[in-house]
Amino acid sequence: MTENLTVVRVGISDLNVVIAPNKIRTSGLGSCVGIVIYDLQRKVGGLAHIMLPDSNLTRQSNFNPYKYADSAIPILIHKLTNIGGRKYAFKSKIAGGAQMFNFGSNSDLMRIGPRNVAAVERVLKENNIPLIASDIGGNKGRTIEFNPEDGMLMVRTANRDERFI
């Protein structure tokens, strides 16, 4: 029997959830971070593609909450529980957070990739979701695809082979 498989695409500043056999993918992870949260036993997973660490820095009253680590991750957790995921069983994997450009300054403000990673790790910890694996840093972009069937995250880095974490 052949099952219909859909690969759900997540854009920048976006998130979504899937149930196996469907997979979920995002590309364009430079300084952005892709956060995968999943319940392997229930075979559900979700992916958020965040651009910035903290929504408190925005001056917009009507902002996209999927753009920021502190607001996207709680929404992703909620969406996963709505499709049968159990928060106590959630695990996570992350990729991205590269330093895509070399600025002449050591200013922390310009280190968006590392700041995104730190914010994601903090929010996951605050929500008691273990971080199982990561592929972060460097200076190359990434595409990731998650399979909730087996919990594997495929990471394709620019000019390199795919690897699974």
C-alpha atoms as a PDB file:
ATOM      1  CA  MET A   1       0.000   0.000   0.000  1.00  0.00           C
ATOM      2  CA  THR A   2       1.393   3.371  -0.987  1.00  0.00           C
ATOM      3  CA  GLU A   3       0.663   6.295   1.304  1.00  0.00           C
ATOM      4  CA  ASN A   4       0.333   9.805  -0.012  1.00  0.00           C
ATOM      5  CA  LEU A   5       3.243  11.829   1.281  1.00  0.00           C
ATOM      6  CA  THR A   6       3.173  15.595   1.472  1.00  0.00           C
ATOM      7  CA  VAL A   7       6.166  17.767   2.249  1.00  0.00           C
ATOM      8  CA  VAL A   8       4.791  20.864   3.983  1.00  0.00           C
ATOM      9  CA  ARG A   9       6.907  23.914   3.278  1.00  0.00           C
ATOM     10  CA  VAL A  10       7.494  26.531   5.949  1.00  0.00           C
ATOM     11  CA  GLY A  11       8.552  29.994   4.834  1.00  0.00           C
ATOM     12  CA  ILE A  12      10.646  32.587   6.624  1.00  0.00           C
ATOM     13  CA  SER A  13       8.868  33.885   9.748  1.00  0.00           C
ATOM     14  CA  ASP A  14       6.411  31.009   9.480  1.00  0.00           C
ATOM     15  CA  LEU A  15       5.551  27.755  11.225  1.00  0.00           C
ATOM     16  CA  ASN A  16       3.448  24.650  10.709  1.00  0.00           C
ATOM     17  CA  VAL A  17       2.827  21.138  12.029  1.00  0.00           C
ATOM     18  CA  VAL A  18       2.532  17.689  10.410  1.00  0.00           C
ATOM     19  CA  ILE A  19       1.493  14.151  11.204  1.00  0.00           C
ATOM     20  CA  ALA A  20       3.443  11.218   9.665  1.00  0.00           C
ATOM     21  CA  PRO A  21       3.803  10.172   6.914  1.00  0.00           C
ATOM     22  CA  ASN A  22       4.002  13.858   5.972  1.00  0.00           C
ATOM     23  CA  LYS A  23       7.295  15.692   6.320  1.00  0.00           C
ATOM     24  CA  ILE A  24       8.050  19.358   6.910  1.00  0.00           C
ATOM     25  CA  ARG A  25      10.785  21.503   5.316  1.00  0.00           C
ATOM     26  CA  THR A  26      12.235  24.993   5.326  1.00  0.00           C
ATOM     27  CA  SER A  27      15.071  26.573   3.399  1.00  0.00           C
ATOM     28  CA  GLY A  28      16.945  29.833   3.593  1.00  0.00           C
ATOM     29  CA  LEU A  29      18.284  29.317   7.111  1.00  0.00           C
ATOM     30  CA  GLY A  30      21.197  31.732   7.348  1.00  0.00           C
ATOM     31  CA  SER A  31      21.172  33.631  10.636  1.00  0.00           C
ATOM     32  CA  CYS A  32      17.589  32.370  11.047  1.00  0.00           C
ATOM     33  CA  VAL A  33      16.976  29.268  13.147  1.00  0.00           C
ATOM     34  CA  GLY A  34      14.753  26.335  12.275  1.00  0.00           C
ATOM     35  CA  ILE A  35      13.211  24.811  15.396  1.00  0.00           C
ATOM     36  CA  VAL A  36      11.709  21.335  15.214  1.00  0.00           C
ATOM     37  CA  ILE A  37       9.596  20.101  18.117  1.00  0.00           C
ATOM     38  CA  TYR A  38       8.138  16.608  17.988  1.00  0.00           C
ATOM     39  CA  ASP A  39       6.477  13.735  19.844  1.00  0.00           C
ATOM     40  CA  LEU A  40       8.019  10.622  18.289  1.00  0.00           C
ATOM     41  CA  GLN A  41       5.526   8.181  19.797  1.00  0.00           C
ATOM     42  CA  ARG A  42       2.560  10.122  18.395  1.00  0.00           C
ATOM     43  CA  LYS A  43       4.473  10.776  15.133  1.00  0.00           C
ATOM     44  CA  VAL A  44       3.738  14.501  15.106  1.00  0.00           C
ATOM     45  CA  GLY A  45       6.191  17.299  14.482  1.00  0.00           C
ATOM     46  CA  GLY A  46       6.303  21.006  13.911  1.00  0.00           C
ATOM     47  CA  LEU A  47       8.758  23.487  12.498  1.00  0.00           C
ATOM     48  CA  ALA A  48       9.217  27.207  13.108  1.00  0.00           C
ATOM     49  CA  HIS A  49      11.549  29.368  10.999  1.00  0.00           C
ATOM     50  CA  ILE A  50      12.434  32.343  13.195  1.00  0.00           C
ATOM     51  CA  MET A  51      14.356  35.445  12.116  1.00  0.00           C
ATOM     52  CA  LEU A  52      14.938  37.292  15.378  1.00  0.00           C
ATOM     53  CA  PRO A  53      15.321  36.434  19.052  1.00  0.00           C
ATOM     54  CA  ASP A  54      12.924  38.691  20.917  1.00  0.00           C
ATOM     55  CA  SER A  55       9.535  40.211  20.015  1.00  0.00           C
ATOM     56  CA  ASN A  56       9.911  42.747  22.834  1.00  0.00           C
ATOM     57  CA  LEU A  57      12.325  44.692  20.624  1.00  0.00           C
ATOM     58  CA  THR A  58       9.735  45.356  17.933  1.00  0.00           C
ATOM     59  CA  ARG A  59       8.057  48.722  17.821  1.00  0.00           C
ATOM     60  CA  GLN A  60       5.170  47.419  15.753  1.00  0.00           C
ATOM     61  CA  SER A  61       1.867  46.903  17.538  1.00  0.00           C
ATOM     62  CA  ASN A  62       0.710  44.418  14.916  1.00  0.00           C
ATOM     63  CA  PHE A  63       3.728  42.141  14.372  1.00  0.00           C
ATOM     64  CA  ASN A  64       4.166  38.599  13.039  1.00  0.00           C
ATOM     65  CA  PRO A  65       4.668  36.404  16.142  1.00  0.00           C
ATOM     66  CA  TYR A  66       6.202  33.623  13.999  1.00  0.00           C
ATOM     67  CA  LYS A  67       9.203  35.880  13.329  1.00  0.00           C
ATOM     68  CA  TYR A  68      10.557  35.752  16.898  1.00  0.00           C
ATOM     69  CA  ALA A  69      11.853  32.881  19.047  1.00  0.00           C
ATOM     70  CA  ASP A  70      10.034  33.995  22.195  1.00  0.00           C
ATOM     71  CA  SER A  71       6.614  34.129  20.528  1.00  0.00           C
ATOM     72  CA  ALA A  72       6.851  31.422  17.819  1.00  0.00           C
ATOM     73  CA  ILE A  73       7.909  28.523  20.046  1.00  0.00           C
ATOM     74  CA  PRO A  74       4.903  28.739  22.432  1.00  0.00           C
ATOM     75  CA  ILE A  75       2.574  28.908  19.409  1.00  0.00           C
ATOM     76  CA  LEU A  76       4.278  25.853  17.895  1.00  0.00           C
ATOM     77  CA  ILE A  77       3.867  23.949  21.174  1.00  0.00           C
ATOM     78  CA  HIS A  78       0.164  24.838  21.259  1.00  0.00           C
ATOM     79  CA  LYS A  79      -0.385  23.735  17.635  1.00  0.00           C
ATOM     80  CA  LEU A  80       1.381  20.428  18.304  1.00  0.00           C
ATOM     81  CA  THR A  81      -0.769  19.665  21.343  1.00  0.00           C
ATOM     82  CA  ASN A  82      -3.847  20.430  19.223  1.00  0.00           C
ATOM     83  CA  ILE A  83      -2.918  17.601  16.813  1.00  0.00           C
ATOM     84  CA  GLY A  84      -2.211  15.051  19.542  1.00  0.00           C
ATOM     85  CA  GLY A  85       1.301  15.835  20.729  1.00  0.00           C
ATOM     86  CA  ARG A  86       2.026  15.573  24.448  1.00  0.00           C
ATOM     87  CA  LYS A  87       4.138  18.362  25.897  1.00  0.00           C
ATOM     88  CA  TYR A  88       5.850  16.055  28.398  1.00  0.00           C
ATOM     89  CA  ALA A  89       7.034  13.889  25.464  1.00  0.00           C
ATOM     90  CA  PHE A  90       8.293  16.727  23.263  1.00  0.00           C
ATOM     91  CA  LYS A  91      11.894  16.806  22.107  1.00  0.00           C
ATOM     92  CA  SER A  92      13.575  19.349  19.836  1.00  0.00           C
ATOM     93  CA  LYS A  93      16.265  19.787  17.222  1.00  0.00           C
ATOM     94  CA  ILE A  94      17.548  23.053  15.770  1.00  0.00           C
ATOM     95  CA  ALA A  95      19.584  24.208  12.785  1.00  0.00           C
ATOM     96  CA  GLY A  96      20.819  27.543  11.450  1.00  0.00           C
ATOM     97  CA  GLY A  97      22.099  30.508  13.393  1.00  0.00           C
ATOM     98  CA  ALA A  98      24.983  31.166  11.012  1.00  0.00           C
ATOM     99  CA  GLN A  99      27.004  34.366  10.933  1.00  0.00           C
ATOM    100  CA  MET A 100      26.417  35.086   7.263  1.00  0.00           C
ATOM    101  CA  PHE A 101      28.345  38.348   7.015  1.00  0.00           C
ATOM    102  CA  ASN A 102      31.609  39.468   8.548  1.00  0.00           C
ATOM    103  CA  PHE A 103      31.117  42.860  10.125  1.00  0.00           C
ATOM    104  CA  GLY A 104      34.157  44.856  11.194  1.00  0.00           C
ATOM    105  CA  SER A 105      32.616  45.267  14.636  1.00  0.00           C
ATOM    106  CA  ASN A 106      32.381  42.843  17.526  1.00  0.00           C
ATOM    107  CA  SER A 107      29.027  44.362  18.425  1.00  0.00           C
ATOM    108  CA  ASP A 108      26.624  41.778  19.815  1.00  0.00           C
ATOM    109  CA  LEU A 109      23.851  43.514  17.869  1.00  0.00           C
ATOM    110  CA  MET A 110      25.378  42.307  14.595  1.00  0.00           C
ATOM    111  CA  ARG A 111      25.679  38.695  15.805  1.00  0.00           C
ATOM    112  CA  ILE A 112      22.078  37.819  14.931  1.00  0.00           C
ATOM    113  CA  GLY A 113      22.681  34.097  14.316  1.00  0.00           C
ATOM    114  CA  PRO A 114      24.251  33.379  17.722  1.00  0.00           C
ATOM    115  CA  ARG A 115      21.634  35.583  19.445  1.00  0.00           C
ATOM    116  CA  ASN A 116      18.867  33.616  17.729  1.00  0.00           C
ATOM    117  CA  VAL A 117      20.378  30.309  18.863  1.00  0.00           C
ATOM    118  CA  ALA A 118      20.705  31.533  22.460  1.00  0.00           C
ATOM    119  CA  ALA A 119      17.089  32.753  22.492  1.00  0.00           C
ATOM    120  CA  VAL A 120      15.780  29.466  21.057  1.00  0.00           C
ATOM    121  CA  GLU A 121      17.746  27.431  23.607  1.00  0.00           C
ATOM    122  CA  ARG A 122      16.411  29.642  26.430  1.00  0.00           C
ATOM    123  CA  VAL A 123      12.747  29.335  25.346  1.00  0.00           C
ATOM    124  CA  LEU A 124      13.055  25.560  24.891  1.00  0.00           C
ATOM    125  CA  LYS A 125      14.560  25.278  28.380  1.00  0.00           C
ATOM    126  CA  GLU A 126      11.808  27.472  29.870  1.00  0.00           C
ATOM    127  CA  ASN A 127       9.268  25.066  28.350  1.00  0.00           C
ATOM    128  CA  ASN A 128      11.134  21.954  29.573  1.00  0.00           C
ATOM    129  CA  ILE A 129      11.693  20.664  26.034  1.00  0.00           C
ATOM    130  CA  PRO A 130      15.011  18.825  25.707  1.00  0.00           C
ATOM    131  CA  LEU A 131      17.267  19.867  22.834  1.00  0.00           C
ATOM    132  CA  ILE A 132      18.390  16.526  21.360  1.00  0.00           C
ATOM    133  CA  ALA A 133      20.549  17.680  18.438  1.00  0.00           C
ATOM    134  CA  SER A 134      21.683  20.809  16.639  1.00  0.00           C
ATOM    135  CA  ASP A 135      23.546  21.928  13.545  1.00  0.00           C
ATOM    136  CA  ILE A 136      24.288  25.595  14.226  1.00  0.00           C
ATOM    137  CA  GLY A 137      26.770  28.344  13.517  1.00  0.00           C
ATOM    138  CA  GLY A 138      29.286  28.591  10.739  1.00  0.00           C
ATOM    139  CA  ASN A 139      28.764  30.889   7.777  1.00  0.00           C
ATOM    140  CA  LYS A 140      26.718  28.801   5.322  1.00  0.00           C
ATOM    141  CA  GLY A 141      22.995  28.613   4.679  1.00  0.00           C
ATOM    142  CA  ARG A 142      20.947  25.499   5.361  1.00  0.00           C
ATOM    143  CA  THR A 143      17.810  23.678   4.267  1.00  0.00           C
ATOM    144  CA  ILE A 144      16.187  21.261   6.710  1.00  0.00           C
ATOM    145  CA  GLU A 145      13.524  18.579   6.409  1.00  0.00           C
ATOM    146  CA  PHE A 146      11.991  16.727   9.356  1.00  0.00           C
ATOM    147  CA  ASN A 147      10.386  13.295   9.293  1.00  0.00           C
ATOM    148  CA  PRO A 148       8.058  12.701  12.285  1.00  0.00           C
ATOM    149  CA  GLU A 149       7.965   8.992  11.424  1.00  0.00           C
ATOM    150  CA  ASP A 150      11.528   8.390  12.642  1.00  0.00           C
ATOM    151  CA  GLY A 151      12.478  11.728  14.257  1.00  0.00           C
ATOM    152  CA  MET A 152      15.304  12.392  11.797  1.00  0.00           C
ATOM    153  CA  LEU A 153      16.184  15.911  10.718  1.00  0.00           C
ATOM    154  CA  MET A 154      17.939  16.164   7.354  1.00  0.00           C
ATOM    155  CA  VAL A 155      20.287  19.143   7.160  1.00  0.00           C
ATOM    156  CA  ARG A 156      21.611  20.244   3.785  1.00  0.00           C
ATOM    157  CA  THR A 157      24.311  22.887   4.044  1.00  0.00           C
ATOM    158  CA  ALA A 158      25.313  24.981   1.030  1.00  0.00           C
ATOM    159  CA  ASN A 159      28.086  23.246  -0.952  1.00  0.00           C
ATOM    160  CA  ARG A 160      27.996  20.162   1.289  1.00  0.00           C
ATOM    161  CA  ASP A 161      26.268  16.808   1.485  1.00  0.00           C
ATOM    162  CA  GLU A 162      23.146  16.114   3.476  1.00  0.00           C
ATOM    163  CA  ARG A 163      23.482  14.864   7.005  1.00  0.00           C
ATOM    164  CA  PHE A 164      20.931  13.543   9.465  1.00  0.00           C
ATOM    165  CA  ILE A 165      20.672  14.500  13.103  1.00  0.00           C
END
